[in-house]
Amino acid sequence: MAIVTAAEATALLAAAGWYAYEMLSGSPVLSFWGAVFTLGLLLAFSAWLFAVSVFLYRGYRWTRAAALVAQLFVLTIGVPAITSGLVLAGLAMLVPAVIAIVLLFSNNVINHASRTGSAPPTL
């Protein structure tokens, strides 16, 4: 499961790099600062997914909810992409998201992701 999340984060980072290249190469945009904001969101979401994948690998419980929210965001972008005619791009988003959702509810991932954090310090 952590591998799927890390792969999605890597793909998102690549998309941010492509977006930055297009923005800096002079592609027309409606709003420059809107494009900078979108680039910031792409980078922040990628960093968040990398953190989720690392802590999911370590077995923290909160990562299952964070990974599920990420997959639901991907589904809300992937389904309209398919219905608008971008079938390959939509499938590239939907297939990993569906796999990740199925894995999130598998017994192996539930058993692994049961760590709640470190114990409080003793006096």
PDB file of N, CA and C in Angstrom:
ATOM      1  N   MET A   1       0.814  -1.192   0.000  1.00  0.00           N
ATOM      2  CA  MET A   1       0.000   0.000   0.000  1.00  0.00           C
ATOM      3  C   MET A   1       0.855   1.252   0.000  1.00  0.00           C
ATOM      4  N   ALA A   2       1.922   1.251   0.776  1.00  0.00           N
ATOM      5  CA  ALA A   2       2.800   2.421   0.821  1.00  0.00           C
ATOM      6  C   ALA A   2       3.452   2.661  -0.538  1.00  0.00           C
ATOM      7  N   ILE A   3       3.694   1.580  -1.276  1.00  0.00           N
ATOM      8  CA  ILE A   3       4.304   1.718  -2.603  1.00  0.00           C
ATOM      9  C   ILE A   3       3.350   2.405  -3.571  1.00  0.00           C
ATOM     10  N   VAL A   4       2.076   2.060  -3.512  1.00  0.00           N
ATOM     11  CA  VAL A   4       1.084   2.689  -4.387  1.00  0.00           C
ATOM     12  C   VAL A   4       0.989   4.178  -4.071  1.00  0.00           C
ATOM     13  N   THR A   5       0.951   4.516  -2.803  1.00  0.00           N
ATOM     14  CA  THR A   5       0.856   5.921  -2.405  1.00  0.00           C
ATOM     15  C   THR A   5       2.117   6.690  -2.807  1.00  0.00           C
ATOM     16  N   ALA A   6       3.284   6.074  -2.643  1.00  0.00           N
ATOM     17  CA  ALA A   6       4.524   6.723  -3.055  1.00  0.00           C
ATOM     18  C   ALA A   6       4.587   6.892  -4.573  1.00  0.00           C
ATOM     19  N   ALA A   7       4.072   5.920  -5.312  1.00  0.00           N
ATOM     20  CA  ALA A   7       4.039   6.042  -6.770  1.00  0.00           C
ATOM     21  C   ALA A   7       3.113   7.174  -7.203  1.00  0.00           C
ATOM     22  N   GLU A   8       1.978   7.310  -6.536  1.00  0.00           N
ATOM     23  CA  GLU A   8       1.076   8.418  -6.841  1.00  0.00           C
ATOM     24  C   GLU A   8       1.725   9.761  -6.513  1.00  0.00           C
ATOM     25  N   ALA A   9       2.451   9.818  -5.408  1.00  0.00           N
ATOM     26  CA  ALA A   9       3.143  11.055  -5.041  1.00  0.00           C
ATOM     27  C   ALA A   9       4.224  11.394  -6.066  1.00  0.00           C
ATOM     28  N   THR A  10       4.926  10.387  -6.562  1.00  0.00           N
ATOM     29  CA  THR A  10       5.948  10.612  -7.578  1.00  0.00           C
ATOM     30  C   THR A  10       5.321  11.101  -8.879  1.00  0.00           C
ATOM     31  N   ALA A  11       4.204  10.516  -9.261  1.00  0.00           N
ATOM     32  CA  ALA A  11       3.503  10.960 -10.469  1.00  0.00           C
ATOM     33  C   ALA A  11       3.013  12.393 -10.317  1.00  0.00           C
ATOM     34  N   LEU A  12       2.548  12.724  -9.140  1.00  0.00           N
ATOM     35  CA  LEU A  12       2.090  14.091  -8.893  1.00  0.00           C
ATOM     36  C   LEU A  12       3.253  15.075  -8.925  1.00  0.00           C
ATOM     37  N   LEU A  13       4.396  14.672  -8.413  1.00  0.00           N
ATOM     38  CA  LEU A  13       5.581  15.517  -8.462  1.00  0.00           C
ATOM     39  C   LEU A  13       6.043  15.708  -9.910  1.00  0.00           C
ATOM     40  N   ALA A  14       5.959  14.665 -10.707  1.00  0.00           N
ATOM     41  CA  ALA A  14       6.297  14.784 -12.134  1.00  0.00           C
ATOM     42  C   ALA A  14       5.320  15.727 -12.839  1.00  0.00           C
ATOM     43  N   ALA A  15       4.041  15.636 -12.500  1.00  0.00           N
ATOM     44  CA  ALA A  15       3.054  16.537 -13.087  1.00  0.00           C
ATOM     45  C   ALA A  15       3.327  17.989 -12.679  1.00  0.00           C
ATOM     46  N   ALA A  16       3.754  18.188 -11.444  1.00  0.00           N
ATOM     47  CA  ALA A  16       4.101  19.534 -10.995  1.00  0.00           C
ATOM     48  C   ALA A  16       5.313  20.052 -11.752  1.00  0.00           C
ATOM     49  N   GLY A  17       6.292  19.186 -11.991  1.00  0.00           N
ATOM     50  CA  GLY A  17       7.457  19.592 -12.768  1.00  0.00           C
ATOM     51  C   GLY A  17       7.090  19.966 -14.186  1.00  0.00           C
ATOM     52  N   TRP A  18       6.221  19.171 -14.802  1.00  0.00           N
ATOM     53  CA  TRP A  18       5.753  19.486 -16.148  1.00  0.00           C
ATOM     54  C   TRP A  18       4.975  20.795 -16.152  1.00  0.00           C
ATOM     55  N   TYR A  19       4.144  21.002 -15.142  1.00  0.00           N
ATOM     56  CA  TYR A  19       3.344  22.231 -15.034  1.00  0.00           C
ATOM     57  C   TYR A  19       4.258  23.441 -14.882  1.00  0.00           C
ATOM     58  N   ALA A  20       5.296  23.309 -14.059  1.00  0.00           N
ATOM     59  CA  ALA A  20       6.237  24.409 -13.861  1.00  0.00           C
ATOM     60  C   ALA A  20       6.995  24.699 -15.158  1.00  0.00           C
ATOM     61  N   TYR A  21       7.405  23.652 -15.865  1.00  0.00           N
ATOM     62  CA  TYR A  21       8.101  23.847 -17.135  1.00  0.00           C
ATOM     63  C   TYR A  21       7.211  24.590 -18.130  1.00  0.00           C
ATOM     64  N   GLU A  22       5.967  24.163 -18.238  1.00  0.00           N
ATOM     65  CA  GLU A  22       5.041  24.813 -19.159  1.00  0.00           C
ATOM     66  C   GLU A  22       4.787  26.265 -18.755  1.00  0.00           C
ATOM     67  N   MET A  23       4.706  26.499 -17.463  1.00  0.00           N
ATOM     68  CA  MET A  23       4.450  27.846 -16.983  1.00  0.00           C
ATOM     69  C   MET A  23       5.644  28.759 -17.272  1.00  0.00           C
ATOM     70  N   LEU A  24       6.864  28.245 -17.061  1.00  0.00           N
ATOM     71  CA  LEU A  24       8.064  29.047 -17.267  1.00  0.00           C
ATOM     72  C   LEU A  24       8.458  29.169 -18.741  1.00  0.00           C
ATOM     73  N   SER A  25       7.976  28.273 -19.581  1.00  0.00           N
ATOM     74  CA  SER A  25       8.323  28.333 -21.003  1.00  0.00           C
ATOM     75  C   SER A  25       7.441  29.311 -21.766  1.00  0.00           C
ATOM     76  N   GLY A  26       6.511  29.917 -21.080  1.00  0.00           N
ATOM     77  CA  GLY A  26       5.713  30.955 -21.721  1.00  0.00           C
ATOM     78  C   GLY A  26       4.360  30.510 -22.214  1.00  0.00           C
ATOM     79  N   SER A  27       3.876  29.371 -21.778  1.00  0.00           N
ATOM     80  CA  SER A  27       2.534  28.949 -22.165  1.00  0.00           C
ATOM     81  C   SER A  27       1.526  29.961 -21.617  1.00  0.00           C
ATOM     82  N   PRO A  28       0.544  30.310 -22.420  1.00  0.00           N
ATOM     83  CA  PRO A  28      -0.416  31.319 -21.955  1.00  0.00           C
ATOM     84  C   PRO A  28      -1.282  30.795 -20.800  1.00  0.00           C
ATOM     85  N   VAL A  29      -1.439  31.626 -19.803  1.00  0.00           N
ATOM     86  CA  VAL A  29      -2.308  31.307 -18.675  1.00  0.00           C
ATOM     87  C   VAL A  29      -3.227  32.491 -18.438  1.00  0.00           C
ATOM     88  N   LEU A  30      -4.402  32.236 -17.876  1.00  0.00           N
ATOM     89  CA  LEU A  30      -5.320  33.324 -17.584  1.00  0.00           C
ATOM     90  C   LEU A  30      -4.783  34.210 -16.475  1.00  0.00           C
ATOM     91  N   SER A  31      -4.233  33.593 -15.452  1.00  0.00           N
ATOM     92  CA  SER A  31      -3.728  34.329 -14.306  1.00  0.00           C
ATOM     93  C   SER A  31      -2.397  33.724 -13.887  1.00  0.00           C
ATOM     94  N   PHE A  32      -1.335  34.518 -13.902  1.00  0.00           N
ATOM     95  CA  PHE A  32      -0.030  34.015 -13.513  1.00  0.00           C
ATOM     96  C   PHE A  32      -0.036  33.567 -12.063  1.00  0.00           C
ATOM     97  N   TRP A  33      -0.610  34.367 -11.187  1.00  0.00           N
ATOM     98  CA  TRP A  33      -0.607  34.011  -9.760  1.00  0.00           C
ATOM     99  C   TRP A  33      -1.527  32.831  -9.481  1.00  0.00           C
ATOM    100  N   GLY A  34      -2.556  32.671 -10.284  1.00  0.00           N
ATOM    101  CA  GLY A  34      -3.385  31.475 -10.171  1.00  0.00           C
ATOM    102  C   GLY A  34      -2.603  30.225 -10.558  1.00  0.00           C
ATOM    103  N   ALA A  35      -1.752  30.351 -11.584  1.00  0.00           N
ATOM    104  CA  ALA A  35      -0.911  29.229 -11.993  1.00  0.00           C
ATOM    105  C   ALA A  35       0.133  28.917 -10.925  1.00  0.00           C
ATOM    106  N   VAL A  36       0.691  29.952 -10.291  1.00  0.00           N
ATOM    107  CA  VAL A  36       1.653  29.740  -9.208  1.00  0.00           C
ATOM    108  C   VAL A  36       0.961  29.045  -8.033  1.00  0.00           C
ATOM    109  N   PHE A  37      -0.262  29.446  -7.730  1.00  0.00           N
ATOM    110  CA  PHE A  37      -1.023  28.814  -6.651  1.00  0.00           C
ATOM    111  C   PHE A  37      -1.288  27.344  -6.971  1.00  0.00           C
ATOM    112  N   THR A  38      -1.663  27.050  -8.213  1.00  0.00           N
ATOM    113  CA  THR A  38      -1.905  25.662  -8.616  1.00  0.00           C
ATOM    114  C   THR A  38      -0.635  24.835  -8.500  1.00  0.00           C
ATOM    115  N   LEU A  39       0.493  25.402  -8.901  1.00  0.00           N
ATOM    116  CA  LEU A  39       1.768  24.709  -8.764  1.00  0.00           C
ATOM    117  C   LEU A  39       2.081  24.436  -7.298  1.00  0.00           C
ATOM    118  N   GLY A  40       1.811  25.411  -6.434  1.00  0.00           N
ATOM    119  CA  GLY A  40       2.013  25.217  -4.999  1.00  0.00           C
ATOM    120  C   GLY A  40       1.133  24.099  -4.448  1.00  0.00           C
ATOM    121  N   LEU A  41      -0.111  24.033  -4.919  1.00  0.00           N
ATOM    122  CA  LEU A  41      -1.007  22.956  -4.477  1.00  0.00           C
ATOM    123  C   LEU A  41      -0.503  21.595  -4.936  1.00  0.00           C
ATOM    124  N   LEU A  42      -0.018  21.514  -6.169  1.00  0.00           N
ATOM    125  CA  LEU A  42       0.517  20.248  -6.668  1.00  0.00           C
ATOM    126  C   LEU A  42       1.718  19.795  -5.839  1.00  0.00           C
ATOM    127  N   LEU A  43       2.611  20.726  -5.537  1.00  0.00           N
ATOM    128  CA  LEU A  43       3.792  20.384  -4.743  1.00  0.00           C
ATOM    129  C   LEU A  43       3.418  20.006  -3.314  1.00  0.00           C
ATOM    130  N   ALA A  44       2.471  20.732  -2.719  1.00  0.00           N
ATOM    131  CA  ALA A  44       2.053  20.435  -1.351  1.00  0.00           C
ATOM    132  C   ALA A  44       1.356  19.077  -1.273  1.00  0.00           C
ATOM    133  N   PHE A  45       0.513  18.774  -2.235  1.00  0.00           N
ATOM    134  CA  PHE A  45      -0.189  17.493  -2.228  1.00  0.00           C
ATOM    135  C   PHE A  45       0.784  16.344  -2.443  1.00  0.00           C
ATOM    136  N   SER A  46       1.782  16.559  -3.289  1.00  0.00           N
ATOM    137  CA  SER A  46       2.808  15.538  -3.494  1.00  0.00           C
ATOM    138  C   SER A  46       3.597  15.289  -2.214  1.00  0.00           C
ATOM    139  N   ALA A  47       3.995  16.356  -1.537  1.00  0.00           N
ATOM    140  CA  ALA A  47       4.737  16.208  -0.276  1.00  0.00           C
ATOM    141  C   ALA A  47       3.876  15.497   0.770  1.00  0.00           C
ATOM    142  N   TRP A  48       2.584  15.821   0.807  1.00  0.00           N
ATOM    143  CA  TRP A  48       1.674  15.189   1.759  1.00  0.00           C
ATOM    144  C   TRP A  48       1.568  13.688   1.476  1.00  0.00           C
ATOM    145  N   LEU A  49       1.462  13.325   0.199  1.00  0.00           N
ATOM    146  CA  LEU A  49       1.370  11.907  -0.148  1.00  0.00           C
ATOM    147  C   LEU A  49       2.665  11.162   0.164  1.00  0.00           C
ATOM    148  N   PHE A  50       3.818  11.817  -0.039  1.00  0.00           N
ATOM    149  CA  PHE A  50       5.082  11.181   0.342  1.00  0.00           C
ATOM    150  C   PHE A  50       5.121  10.928   1.845  1.00  0.00           C
ATOM    151  N   ALA A  51       4.681  11.916   2.630  1.00  0.00           N
ATOM    152  CA  ALA A  51       4.665  11.734   4.087  1.00  0.00           C
ATOM    153  C   ALA A  51       3.711  10.617   4.492  1.00  0.00           C
ATOM    154  N   VAL A  52       2.545  10.567   3.863  1.00  0.00           N
ATOM    155  CA  VAL A  52       1.584   9.504   4.165  1.00  0.00           C
ATOM    156  C   VAL A  52       2.179   8.144   3.834  1.00  0.00           C
ATOM    157  N   SER A  53       2.864   8.037   2.710  1.00  0.00           N
ATOM    158  CA  SER A  53       3.432   6.734   2.342  1.00  0.00           C
ATOM    159  C   SER A  53       4.532   6.310   3.308  1.00  0.00           C
ATOM    160  N   VAL A  54       5.352   7.246   3.772  1.00  0.00           N
ATOM    161  CA  VAL A  54       6.412   6.905   4.725  1.00  0.00           C
ATOM    162  C   VAL A  54       5.817   6.435   6.048  1.00  0.00           C
ATOM    163  N   PHE A  55       4.839   7.178   6.559  1.00  0.00           N
ATOM    164  CA  PHE A  55       4.262   6.807   7.848  1.00  0.00           C
ATOM    165  C   PHE A  55       3.347   5.591   7.737  1.00  0.00           C
ATOM    166  N   LEU A  56       2.772   5.364   6.560  1.00  0.00           N
ATOM    167  CA  LEU A  56       2.009   4.128   6.355  1.00  0.00           C
ATOM    168  C   LEU A  56       2.949   2.934   6.361  1.00  0.00           C
ATOM    169  N   TYR A  57       4.103   3.092   5.752  1.00  0.00           N
ATOM    170  CA  TYR A  57       5.110   2.024   5.776  1.00  0.00           C
ATOM    171  C   TYR A  57       5.540   1.725   7.212  1.00  0.00           C
ATOM    172  N   ARG A  58       5.616   2.764   8.027  1.00  0.00           N
ATOM    173  CA  ARG A  58       5.998   2.579   9.433  1.00  0.00           C
ATOM    174  C   ARG A  58       4.860   2.001  10.281  1.00  0.00           C
ATOM    175  N   GLY A  59       3.645   2.023   9.759  1.00  0.00           N
ATOM    176  CA  GLY A  59       2.532   1.375  10.442  1.00  0.00           C
ATOM    177  C   GLY A  59       1.657   2.270  11.292  1.00  0.00           C
ATOM    178  N   TYR A  60       1.659   3.567  11.049  1.00  0.00           N
ATOM    179  CA  TYR A  60       0.813   4.460  11.835  1.00  0.00           C
ATOM    180  C   TYR A  60      -0.642   4.368  11.392  1.00  0.00           C
ATOM    181  N   ARG A  61      -1.539   4.418  12.348  1.00  0.00           N
ATOM    182  CA  ARG A  61      -2.968   4.239  12.098  1.00  0.00           C
ATOM    183  C   ARG A  61      -3.574   5.396  11.298  1.00  0.00           C
ATOM    184  N   TRP A  62      -3.180   6.633  11.572  1.00  0.00           N
ATOM    185  CA  TRP A  62      -3.795   7.798  10.933  1.00  0.00           C
ATOM    186  C   TRP A  62      -3.577   7.830   9.423  1.00  0.00           C
ATOM    187  N   THR A  63      -2.609   7.105   8.935  1.00  0.00           N
ATOM    188  CA  THR A  63      -2.290   7.162   7.510  1.00  0.00           C
ATOM    189  C   THR A  63      -3.362   6.524   6.637  1.00  0.00           C
ATOM    190  N   ARG A  64      -4.106   5.592   7.187  1.00  0.00           N
ATOM    191  CA  ARG A  64      -5.175   4.970   6.389  1.00  0.00           C
ATOM    192  C   ARG A  64      -6.225   5.998   6.011  1.00  0.00           C
ATOM    193  N   ALA A  65      -6.609   6.854   6.953  1.00  0.00           N
ATOM    194  CA  ALA A  65      -7.596   7.893   6.655  1.00  0.00           C
ATOM    195  C   ALA A  65      -7.039   8.910   5.662  1.00  0.00           C
ATOM    196  N   ALA A  66      -5.786   9.297   5.857  1.00  0.00           N
ATOM    197  CA  ALA A  66      -5.173  10.260   4.949  1.00  0.00           C
ATOM    198  C   ALA A  66      -5.058   9.694   3.539  1.00  0.00           C
ATOM    199  N   ALA A  67      -4.683   8.438   3.422  1.00  0.00           N
ATOM    200  CA  ALA A  67      -4.575   7.809   2.105  1.00  0.00           C
ATOM    201  C   ALA A  67      -5.950   7.676   1.453  1.00  0.00           C
ATOM    202  N   LEU A  68      -6.965   7.377   2.240  1.00  0.00           N
ATOM    203  CA  LEU A  68      -8.319   7.269   1.693  1.00  0.00           C
ATOM    204  C   LEU A  68      -8.796   8.610   1.155  1.00  0.00           C
ATOM    205  N   VAL A  69      -8.544   9.677   1.887  1.00  0.00           N
ATOM    206  CA  VAL A  69      -8.937  11.014   1.416  1.00  0.00           C
ATOM    207  C   VAL A  69      -8.222  11.343   0.108  1.00  0.00           C
ATOM    208  N   ALA A  70      -6.952  11.016   0.019  1.00  0.00           N
ATOM    209  CA  ALA A  70      -6.197  11.263  -1.215  1.00  0.00           C
ATOM    210  C   ALA A  70      -6.805  10.493  -2.386  1.00  0.00           C
ATOM    211  N   GLN A  71      -7.175   9.244  -2.147  1.00  0.00           N
ATOM    212  CA  GLN A  71      -7.757   8.437  -3.225  1.00  0.00           C
ATOM    213  C   GLN A  71      -9.118   8.989  -3.647  1.00  0.00           C
ATOM    214  N   LEU A  72      -9.891   9.494  -2.715  1.00  0.00           N
ATOM    215  CA  LEU A  72     -11.185  10.087  -3.068  1.00  0.00           C
ATOM    216  C   LEU A  72     -10.996  11.350  -3.900  1.00  0.00           C
ATOM    217  N   PHE A  73      -9.965  12.146  -3.591  1.00  0.00           N
ATOM    218  CA  PHE A  73      -9.656  13.309  -4.426  1.00  0.00           C
ATOM    219  C   PHE A  73      -9.287  12.876  -5.837  1.00  0.00           C
ATOM    220  N   VAL A  74      -8.498  11.815  -5.945  1.00  0.00           N
ATOM    221  CA  VAL A  74      -8.100  11.321  -7.264  1.00  0.00           C
ATOM    222  C   VAL A  74      -9.318  10.831  -8.038  1.00  0.00           C
ATOM    223  N   LEU A  75     -10.236  10.161  -7.358  1.00  0.00           N
ATOM    224  CA  LEU A  75     -11.458   9.695  -8.027  1.00  0.00           C
ATOM    225  C   LEU A  75     -12.290  10.862  -8.548  1.00  0.00           C
ATOM    226  N   THR A  76     -12.335  11.973  -7.794  1.00  0.00           N
ATOM    227  CA  THR A  76     -13.130  13.121  -8.239  1.00  0.00           C
ATOM    228  C   THR A  76     -12.512  13.818  -9.446  1.00  0.00           C
ATOM    229  N   ILE A  77     -11.260  13.554  -9.722  1.00  0.00           N
ATOM    230  CA  ILE A  77     -10.629  14.105 -10.924  1.00  0.00           C
ATOM    231  C   ILE A  77     -10.628  13.070 -12.044  1.00  0.00           C
ATOM    232  N   GLY A  78     -10.434  11.803 -11.706  1.00  0.00           N
ATOM    233  CA  GLY A  78     -10.337  10.753 -12.712  1.00  0.00           C
ATOM    234  C   GLY A  78     -11.640  10.453 -13.437  1.00  0.00           C
ATOM    235  N   VAL A  79     -12.737  10.428 -12.711  1.00  0.00           N
ATOM    236  CA  VAL A  79     -14.025  10.119 -13.349  1.00  0.00           C
ATOM    237  C   VAL A  79     -14.416  11.200 -14.362  1.00  0.00           C
ATOM    238  N   PRO A  80     -14.350  12.499 -14.017  1.00  0.00           N
ATOM    239  CA  PRO A  80     -14.654  13.499 -15.050  1.00  0.00           C
ATOM    240  C   PRO A  80     -13.672  13.483 -16.213  1.00  0.00           C
ATOM    241  N   ALA A  81     -12.419  13.082 -15.956  1.00  0.00           N
ATOM    242  CA  ALA A  81     -11.452  12.990 -17.056  1.00  0.00           C
ATOM    243  C   ALA A  81     -11.889  11.928 -18.058  1.00  0.00           C
ATOM    244  N   ILE A  82     -12.362  10.804 -17.564  1.00  0.00           N
ATOM    245  CA  ILE A  82     -12.830   9.743 -18.471  1.00  0.00           C
ATOM    246  C   ILE A  82     -14.079  10.185 -19.229  1.00  0.00           C
ATOM    247  N   THR A  83     -15.018  10.788 -18.527  1.00  0.00           N
ATOM    248  CA  THR A  83     -16.267  11.183 -19.179  1.00  0.00           C
ATOM    249  C   THR A  83     -16.081  12.340 -20.150  1.00  0.00           C
ATOM    250  N   SER A  84     -14.989  13.102 -20.026  1.00  0.00           N
ATOM    251  CA  SER A  84     -14.758  14.195 -20.960  1.00  0.00           C
ATOM    252  C   SER A  84     -13.904  13.776 -22.152  1.00  0.00           C
ATOM    253  N   GLY A  85     -13.554  12.493 -22.221  1.00  0.00           N
ATOM    254  CA  GLY A  85     -12.835  11.992 -23.384  1.00  0.00           C
ATOM    255  C   GLY A  85     -11.359  11.714 -23.158  1.00  0.00           C
ATOM    256  N   LEU A  86     -10.835  12.037 -21.997  1.00  0.00           N
ATOM    257  CA  LEU A  86      -9.430  11.757 -21.686  1.00  0.00           C
ATOM    258  C   LEU A  86      -9.337  10.394 -21.003  1.00  0.00           C
ATOM    259  N   VAL A  87      -9.575   9.351 -21.782  1.00  0.00           N
ATOM    260  CA  VAL A  87      -9.714   8.007 -21.229  1.00  0.00           C
ATOM    261  C   VAL A  87      -8.408   7.510 -20.625  1.00  0.00           C
ATOM    262  N   LEU A  88      -7.285   7.671 -21.320  1.00  0.00           N
ATOM    263  CA  LEU A  88      -6.019   7.163 -20.796  1.00  0.00           C
ATOM    264  C   LEU A  88      -5.599   7.896 -19.523  1.00  0.00           C
ATOM    265  N   ALA A  89      -5.745   9.204 -19.521  1.00  0.00           N
ATOM    266  CA  ALA A  89      -5.398   9.974 -18.316  1.00  0.00           C
ATOM    267  C   ALA A  89      -6.325   9.613 -17.164  1.00  0.00           C
ATOM    268  N   GLY A  90      -7.602   9.448 -17.444  1.00  0.00           N
ATOM    269  CA  GLY A  90      -8.549   9.063 -16.410  1.00  0.00           C
ATOM    270  C   GLY A  90      -8.269   7.687 -15.848  1.00  0.00           C
ATOM    271  N   LEU A  91      -7.956   6.742 -16.718  1.00  0.00           N
ATOM    272  CA  LEU A  91      -7.623   5.393 -16.248  1.00  0.00           C
ATOM    273  C   LEU A  91      -6.321   5.386 -15.454  1.00  0.00           C
ATOM    274  N   ALA A  92      -5.362   6.230 -15.868  1.00  0.00           N
ATOM    275  CA  ALA A  92      -4.104   6.318 -15.130  1.00  0.00           C
ATOM    276  C   ALA A  92      -4.320   6.844 -13.719  1.00  0.00           C
ATOM    277  N   MET A  93      -5.389   7.581 -13.516  1.00  0.00           N
ATOM    278  CA  MET A  93      -5.724   8.053 -12.170  1.00  0.00           C
ATOM    279  C   MET A  93      -6.604   7.054 -11.424  1.00  0.00           C
ATOM    280  N   LEU A  94      -7.582   6.488 -12.122  1.00  0.00           N
ATOM    281  CA  LEU A  94      -8.563   5.635 -11.451  1.00  0.00           C
ATOM    282  C   LEU A  94      -8.020   4.282 -11.030  1.00  0.00           C
ATOM    283  N   VAL A  95      -7.227   3.653 -11.864  1.00  0.00           N
ATOM    284  CA  VAL A  95      -6.761   2.300 -11.557  1.00  0.00           C
ATOM    285  C   VAL A  95      -5.938   2.259 -10.272  1.00  0.00           C
ATOM    286  N   PRO A  96      -4.919   3.134 -10.102  1.00  0.00           N
ATOM    287  CA  PRO A  96      -4.183   3.095  -8.829  1.00  0.00           C
ATOM    288  C   PRO A  96      -5.051   3.491  -7.630  1.00  0.00           C
ATOM    289  N   ALA A  97      -5.978   4.417  -7.842  1.00  0.00           N
ATOM    290  CA  ALA A  97      -6.840   4.837  -6.732  1.00  0.00           C
ATOM    291  C   ALA A  97      -7.738   3.698  -6.269  1.00  0.00           C
ATOM    292  N   VAL A  98      -8.303   2.957  -7.203  1.00  0.00           N
ATOM    293  CA  VAL A  98      -9.168   1.830  -6.837  1.00  0.00           C
ATOM    294  C   VAL A  98      -8.345   0.733  -6.163  1.00  0.00           C
ATOM    295  N   ILE A  99      -7.155   0.467  -6.697  1.00  0.00           N
ATOM    296  CA  ILE A  99      -6.280  -0.527  -6.059  1.00  0.00           C
ATOM    297  C   ILE A  99      -5.934  -0.102  -4.639  1.00  0.00           C
ATOM    298  N   ALA A 100      -5.621   1.175  -4.463  1.00  0.00           N
ATOM    299  CA  ALA A 100      -5.268   1.669  -3.130  1.00  0.00           C
ATOM    300  C   ALA A 100      -6.444   1.576  -2.167  1.00  0.00           C
ATOM    301  N   ILE A 101      -7.651   1.886  -2.630  1.00  0.00           N
ATOM    302  CA  ILE A 101      -8.820   1.802  -1.753  1.00  0.00           C
ATOM    303  C   ILE A 101      -9.070   0.356  -1.342  1.00  0.00           C
ATOM    304  N   VAL A 102      -8.952  -0.564  -2.285  1.00  0.00           N
ATOM    305  CA  VAL A 102      -9.137  -1.977  -1.947  1.00  0.00           C
ATOM    306  C   VAL A 102      -8.085  -2.423  -0.939  1.00  0.00           C
ATOM    307  N   LEU A 103      -6.831  -2.027  -1.168  1.00  0.00           N
ATOM    308  CA  LEU A 103      -5.759  -2.416  -0.248  1.00  0.00           C
ATOM    309  C   LEU A 103      -5.923  -1.783   1.130  1.00  0.00           C
ATOM    310  N   LEU A 104      -6.455  -0.563   1.180  1.00  0.00           N
ATOM    311  CA  LEU A 104      -6.640   0.104   2.476  1.00  0.00           C
ATOM    312  C   LEU A 104      -7.560  -0.683   3.405  1.00  0.00           C
ATOM    313  N   PHE A 105      -8.489  -1.416   2.825  1.00  0.00           N
ATOM    314  CA  PHE A 105      -9.437  -2.177   3.640  1.00  0.00           C
ATOM    315  C   PHE A 105      -9.096  -3.658   3.720  1.00  0.00           C
ATOM    316  N   SER A 106      -7.912  -4.032   3.258  1.00  0.00           N
ATOM    317  CA  SER A 106      -7.493  -5.424   3.384  1.00  0.00           C
ATOM    318  C   SER A 106      -6.995  -5.680   4.805  1.00  0.00           C
ATOM    319  N   ASN A 107      -7.103  -6.908   5.241  1.00  0.00           N
ATOM    320  CA  ASN A 107      -6.705  -7.256   6.611  1.00  0.00           C
ATOM    321  C   ASN A 107      -5.227  -7.034   6.869  1.00  0.00           C
ATOM    322  N   ASN A 108      -4.392  -7.282   5.867  1.00  0.00           N
ATOM    323  CA  ASN A 108      -2.956  -7.082   6.060  1.00  0.00           C
ATOM    324  C   ASN A 108      -2.621  -5.634   6.364  1.00  0.00           C
ATOM    325  N   VAL A 109      -3.215  -4.708   5.623  1.00  0.00           N
ATOM    326  CA  VAL A 109      -2.941  -3.282   5.847  1.00  0.00           C
ATOM    327  C   VAL A 109      -3.552  -2.830   7.171  1.00  0.00           C
ATOM    328  N   ILE A 110      -4.745  -3.298   7.483  1.00  0.00           N
ATOM    329  CA  ILE A 110      -5.380  -2.922   8.748  1.00  0.00           C
ATOM    330  C   ILE A 110      -4.537  -3.410   9.921  1.00  0.00           C
ATOM    331  N   ASN A 111      -4.046  -4.628   9.846  1.00  0.00           N
ATOM    332  CA  ASN A 111      -3.209  -5.157  10.928  1.00  0.00           C
ATOM    333  C   ASN A 111      -1.874  -4.430  11.017  1.00  0.00           C
ATOM    334  N   HIS A 112      -1.302  -4.089   9.867  1.00  0.00           N
ATOM    335  CA  HIS A 112      -0.008  -3.403   9.877  1.00  0.00           C
ATOM    336  C   HIS A 112      -0.145  -1.971  10.403  1.00  0.00           C
ATOM    337  N   ALA A 113      -1.179  -1.287   9.978  1.00  0.00           N
ATOM    338  CA  ALA A 113      -1.351   0.118  10.342  1.00  0.00           C
ATOM    339  C   ALA A 113      -2.149   0.232  11.641  1.00  0.00           C
ATOM    340  N   SER A 114      -1.576  -0.239  12.723  1.00  0.00           N
ATOM    341  CA  SER A 114      -2.260  -0.167  14.004  1.00  0.00           C
ATOM    342  C   SER A 114      -1.461   0.594  15.046  1.00  0.00           C
ATOM    343  N   ARG A 115      -0.343   1.147  14.656  1.00  0.00           N
ATOM    344  CA  ARG A 115       0.501   1.901  15.577  1.00  0.00           C
ATOM    345  C   ARG A 115      -0.104   3.265  15.827  1.00  0.00           C
ATOM    346  N   THR A 116      -0.230   3.656  17.071  1.00  0.00           N
ATOM    347  CA  THR A 116      -0.867   4.921  17.401  1.00  0.00           C
ATOM    348  C   THR A 116       0.124   6.035  17.699  1.00  0.00           C
ATOM    349  N   GLY A 117       1.348   5.727  17.927  1.00  0.00           N
ATOM    350  CA  GLY A 117       2.346   6.742  18.232  1.00  0.00           C
ATOM    351  C   GLY A 117       3.226   6.248  19.367  1.00  0.00           C
ATOM    352  N   SER A 118       4.152   7.075  19.753  1.00  0.00           N
ATOM    353  CA  SER A 118       5.048   6.665  20.825  1.00  0.00           C
ATOM    354  C   SER A 118       4.386   6.903  22.173  1.00  0.00           C
ATOM    355  N   ALA A 119       4.852   6.185  23.152  1.00  0.00           N
ATOM    356  CA  ALA A 119       4.317   6.314  24.516  1.00  0.00           C
ATOM    357  C   ALA A 119       4.719   7.664  25.083  1.00  0.00           C
ATOM    358  N   PRO A 120       3.901   8.225  25.943  1.00  0.00           N
ATOM    359  CA  PRO A 120       4.257   9.493  26.560  1.00  0.00           C
ATOM    360  C   PRO A 120       5.470   9.315  27.478  1.00  0.00           C
ATOM    361  N   PRO A 121       6.265  10.353  27.619  1.00  0.00           N
ATOM    362  CA  PRO A 121       7.453  10.215  28.471  1.00  0.00           C
ATOM    363  C   PRO A 121       7.073   9.993  29.927  1.00  0.00           C
ATOM    364  N   THR A 122       7.874   9.199  30.592  1.00  0.00           N
ATOM    365  CA  THR A 122       7.623   8.935  32.017  1.00  0.00           C
ATOM    366  C   THR A 122       8.350   9.956  32.867  1.00  0.00           C
ATOM    367  N   LEU A 123       7.904  10.090  34.082  1.00  0.00           N
ATOM    368  CA  LEU A 123       8.540  11.068  34.981  1.00  0.00           C
ATOM    369  C   LEU A 123       9.764  10.549  35.593  1.00  0.00           C
TER     370      LEU A 123
END
